[in-house]
Amino acid sequence: MGMKHTWFHHTDCSTQQAEELMAEYRRRGVMVERSLNSDYLTWTVSARLPEGNKPPRINRQWQNRIWG
């Protein structure tokens, strides 16, 4: 059984940001799409990323041991 993939959206990107994001995702071999927003100035970049089976770990760096 393969990993589940879901779309992650970067909204309100400038043209330069969208191009940089797309280049980085393509370099990593990720399926990526770009669409122009309704304001005709910004872009939404969508990347199809793998979804893990476990929830993300909680960062306990700033948690005091007394608080539990």
C-alpha atoms as a PDB file:
ATOM      1  CA  MET A   1       0.000   0.000   0.000  1.00  0.00           C
ATOM      2  CA  GLY A   2       1.439   3.381  -1.057  1.00  0.00           C
ATOM      3  CA  MET A   3       1.391   6.629   0.813  1.00  0.00           C
ATOM      4  CA  LYS A   4      -1.635   8.869   0.627  1.00  0.00           C
ATOM      5  CA  HIS A   5      -1.035  12.178  -1.179  1.00  0.00           C
ATOM      6  CA  THR A   6      -2.965  15.402  -0.611  1.00  0.00           C
ATOM      7  CA  TRP A   7      -2.782  18.864  -2.150  1.00  0.00           C
ATOM      8  CA  PHE A   8      -1.086  21.622  -0.142  1.00  0.00           C
ATOM      9  CA  HIS A   9      -1.791  25.210  -1.248  1.00  0.00           C
ATOM     10  CA  HIS A  10       0.483  28.246  -0.972  1.00  0.00           C
ATOM     11  CA  THR A  11      -1.906  31.181  -1.429  1.00  0.00           C
ATOM     12  CA  ASP A  12      -1.251  34.816  -2.410  1.00  0.00           C
ATOM     13  CA  CYS A  13       2.225  34.316  -3.880  1.00  0.00           C
ATOM     14  CA  SER A  14       3.881  36.885  -6.098  1.00  0.00           C
ATOM     15  CA  THR A  15       5.070  35.747  -9.524  1.00  0.00           C
ATOM     16  CA  GLN A  16       8.664  35.428  -8.306  1.00  0.00           C
ATOM     17  CA  GLN A  17       7.637  33.474  -5.179  1.00  0.00           C
ATOM     18  CA  ALA A  18       5.470  31.150  -7.259  1.00  0.00           C
ATOM     19  CA  GLU A  19       8.304  30.446  -9.711  1.00  0.00           C
ATOM     20  CA  GLU A  20      10.750  29.743  -6.867  1.00  0.00           C
ATOM     21  CA  LEU A  21       8.299  27.394  -5.131  1.00  0.00           C
ATOM     22  CA  MET A  22       7.580  25.534  -8.349  1.00  0.00           C
ATOM     23  CA  ALA A  23      11.285  25.149  -9.139  1.00  0.00           C
ATOM     24  CA  GLU A  24      12.007  23.786  -5.659  1.00  0.00           C
ATOM     25  CA  TYR A  25       9.107  21.313  -5.744  1.00  0.00           C
ATOM     26  CA  ARG A  26      10.043  20.137  -9.248  1.00  0.00           C
ATOM     27  CA  ARG A  27      13.652  19.656  -8.132  1.00  0.00           C
ATOM     28  CA  ARG A  28      12.324  17.312  -5.436  1.00  0.00           C
ATOM     29  CA  GLY A  29      10.104  15.476  -7.923  1.00  0.00           C
ATOM     30  CA  VAL A  30       6.770  16.724  -6.530  1.00  0.00           C
ATOM     31  CA  MET A  31       3.737  17.312  -8.777  1.00  0.00           C
ATOM     32  CA  VAL A  32       3.026  21.047  -8.694  1.00  0.00           C
ATOM     33  CA  GLU A  33       0.474  23.384 -10.313  1.00  0.00           C
ATOM     34  CA  ARG A  34       0.088  27.149 -10.390  1.00  0.00           C
ATOM     35  CA  SER A  35      -3.149  29.107 -10.846  1.00  0.00           C
ATOM     36  CA  LEU A  36      -3.817  32.832 -11.066  1.00  0.00           C
ATOM     37  CA  ASN A  37      -6.022  34.255  -8.327  1.00  0.00           C
ATOM     38  CA  SER A  38      -9.117  36.321  -9.044  1.00  0.00           C
ATOM     39  CA  ASP A  39      -7.250  39.585  -8.345  1.00  0.00           C
ATOM     40  CA  TYR A  40      -5.003  38.881 -11.398  1.00  0.00           C
ATOM     41  CA  LEU A  41      -1.936  39.830  -9.329  1.00  0.00           C
ATOM     42  CA  THR A  42      -1.182  36.863  -7.088  1.00  0.00           C
ATOM     43  CA  TRP A  43      -0.817  33.127  -7.637  1.00  0.00           C
ATOM     44  CA  THR A  44      -1.796  29.988  -5.757  1.00  0.00           C
ATOM     45  CA  VAL A  45       0.808  27.222  -5.951  1.00  0.00           C
ATOM     46  CA  SER A  46      -0.522  23.716  -5.257  1.00  0.00           C
ATOM     47  CA  ALA A  47       1.794  20.789  -4.503  1.00  0.00           C
ATOM     48  CA  ARG A  48       0.752  17.152  -4.148  1.00  0.00           C
ATOM     49  CA  LEU A  49       2.624  16.031  -1.020  1.00  0.00           C
ATOM     50  CA  PRO A  50       2.695  12.682   0.810  1.00  0.00           C
ATOM     51  CA  GLU A  51       0.641  12.471   3.985  1.00  0.00           C
ATOM     52  CA  GLY A  52       2.072  10.637   6.987  1.00  0.00           C
ATOM     53  CA  ASN A  53       0.196   8.039   9.027  1.00  0.00           C
ATOM     54  CA  LYS A  54       1.186   9.555  12.376  1.00  0.00           C
ATOM     55  CA  PRO A  55       0.208  13.023  13.657  1.00  0.00           C
ATOM     56  CA  PRO A  56       3.069  15.551  13.917  1.00  0.00           C
ATOM     57  CA  ARG A  57       5.147  15.448  17.081  1.00  0.00           C
ATOM     58  CA  ILE A  58       4.523  18.106  19.712  1.00  0.00           C
ATOM     59  CA  ASN A  59       7.460  20.443  20.273  1.00  0.00           C
ATOM     60  CA  ARG A  60       8.165  20.157  23.989  1.00  0.00           C
ATOM     61  CA  GLN A  61      11.150  22.494  23.953  1.00  0.00           C
ATOM     62  CA  TRP A  62       9.386  25.258  25.873  1.00  0.00           C
ATOM     63  CA  GLN A  63       7.178  23.048  28.063  1.00  0.00           C
ATOM     64  CA  ASN A  64       8.069  22.920  31.744  1.00  0.00           C
ATOM     65  CA  ARG A  65       8.268  19.406  33.201  1.00  0.00           C
ATOM     66  CA  ILE A  66       6.125  20.486  36.160  1.00  0.00           C
ATOM     67  CA  TRP A  67       3.205  21.374  33.851  1.00  0.00           C
ATOM     68  CA  GLY A  68       3.004  17.767  32.637  1.00  0.00           C
END
